Amino acid sequence: PRRVGHNLLLRLSTRKPDVLRFLSNPAVPFTNNLAERDGRMMKLRQKISGGFRAVTGAEDFAVIRSFFSTAKKQQWDVLNAINAHPNVLIAQLKLA
């Protein structure tokens, strides 16, 4: 195995366009912090309760968290979004 710094240098040299994409496309974030924050709540739930009793409970929790996360990113009022028809929400989606 190569040293960590060497592996990073190789990765940067072979994937330079992907690594620097945020410079040419303003829609691409500089970091992946938003994705990490989205996953943090799942981990927190697992840590507090010790996990889920069933796979369906975990799936339901993931769907609900995903909905709330999307509503927040779309700058929707969460209570209105919960009560809205899905077709209305789809029509209001802002694509990045």
Protein backbone atom coordinates (compact mmCIF):
# COMPACT_ATOMS: atom_id res chain seq x y z
CA PRO A 1 0.00 0.00 0.00
CA ARG A 2 1.12 3.51 -0.79
CA ARG A 3 1.27 6.37 1.66
CA VAL A 4 -1.89 8.40 2.19
CA GLY A 5 -0.41 11.57 0.71
CA HIS A 6 0.76 9.69 -2.36
CA ASN A 7 -2.67 8.17 -2.93
CA LEU A 8 -4.25 11.62 -2.64
CA LEU A 9 -1.80 13.07 -5.15
CA LEU A 10 -2.56 10.27 -7.62
CA ARG A 11 -6.31 10.73 -7.19
CA LEU A 12 -6.07 14.49 -7.69
CA SER A 13 -3.94 14.14 -10.79
CA THR A 14 -6.27 11.61 -12.44
CA ARG A 15 -9.53 13.29 -11.41
CA LYS A 16 -8.61 16.96 -11.63
CA PRO A 17 -11.71 18.02 -13.63
CA ASP A 18 -14.02 16.38 -11.08
CA VAL A 19 -12.17 17.79 -8.06
CA LEU A 20 -12.19 21.34 -9.44
CA ARG A 21 -15.68 21.27 -10.98
CA PHE A 22 -16.94 23.78 -8.38
CA LEU A 23 -14.70 26.44 -10.00
CA SER A 24 -16.47 26.25 -13.37
CA ASN A 25 -19.98 25.36 -12.20
CA PRO A 26 -21.43 27.54 -9.43
CA ALA A 27 -24.18 24.97 -8.76
CA VAL A 28 -21.59 22.47 -7.50
CA PRO A 29 -20.81 23.01 -3.80
CA PHE A 30 -17.22 23.41 -2.63
CA THR A 31 -17.67 20.71 0.02
CA ASN A 32 -19.99 17.79 0.65
CA ASN A 33 -21.03 19.11 4.07
CA LEU A 34 -24.70 19.16 3.11
CA ALA A 35 -24.66 15.45 2.30
CA GLU A 36 -22.84 14.74 5.55
CA ARG A 37 -25.39 16.73 7.54
CA ASP A 38 -28.23 14.77 5.93
CA GLY A 39 -26.66 11.51 7.06
CA ARG A 40 -25.86 12.74 10.55
CA MET A 41 -29.49 12.63 11.72
CA MET A 42 -29.75 8.95 10.76
CA LYS A 43 -26.66 8.16 12.79
CA LEU A 44 -27.91 10.20 15.74
CA ARG A 45 -31.22 8.32 15.73
CA GLN A 46 -29.32 5.02 15.67
CA LYS A 47 -27.08 6.10 18.54
CA ILE A 48 -29.92 7.36 20.76
CA SER A 49 -32.33 4.47 20.32
CA GLY A 50 -29.87 1.70 19.54
CA GLY A 51 -31.28 1.24 16.06
CA PHE A 52 -34.62 0.19 14.65
CA ARG A 53 -36.68 -2.86 15.55
CA ALA A 54 -37.53 -3.64 11.94
CA VAL A 55 -36.25 -2.79 8.49
CA THR A 56 -39.59 -1.18 7.63
CA GLY A 57 -39.21 1.21 10.57
CA ALA A 58 -35.78 2.26 9.32
CA GLU A 59 -37.11 2.69 5.79
CA ASP A 60 -40.06 4.79 7.00
CA PHE A 61 -37.74 6.97 9.08
CA ALA A 62 -35.45 7.47 6.06
CA VAL A 63 -38.37 8.49 3.83
CA ILE A 64 -39.65 10.99 6.40
CA ARG A 65 -36.17 12.46 6.98
CA SER A 66 -35.65 12.70 3.22
CA PHE A 67 -38.94 14.57 2.83
CA PHE A 68 -38.06 17.05 5.60
CA SER A 69 -34.57 17.56 4.19
CA THR A 70 -35.94 18.21 0.70
CA ALA A 71 -38.55 20.62 2.06
CA LYS A 72 -35.87 22.56 3.91
CA LYS A 73 -33.57 22.71 0.85
CA GLN A 74 -36.49 23.86 -1.32
CA GLN A 75 -37.31 26.55 1.29
CA TRP A 76 -40.84 25.20 1.71
CA ASP A 77 -42.91 25.64 4.84
CA VAL A 78 -42.76 22.10 6.26
CA LEU A 79 -46.35 22.04 7.57
CA ASN A 80 -47.70 23.23 4.22
CA ALA A 81 -45.54 20.68 2.41
CA ILE A 82 -46.88 17.85 4.59
CA ASN A 83 -50.45 18.83 3.70
CA ALA A 84 -49.78 19.52 0.00
CA HIS A 85 -50.62 17.10 -2.78
CA PRO A 86 -47.45 15.44 -4.16
CA ASN A 87 -48.13 16.80 -7.67
CA VAL A 88 -48.13 20.35 -6.30
CA LEU A 89 -44.77 19.76 -4.64
CA ILE A 90 -43.32 18.25 -7.81
CA ALA A 91 -44.42 21.33 -9.77
CA GLN A 92 -42.68 23.58 -7.23
CA LEU A 93 -39.34 21.75 -7.24
CA LYS A 94 -36.32 23.94 -7.91
CA LEU A 95 -33.65 21.95 -9.69
CA ALA A 96 -30.05 22.62 -8.74
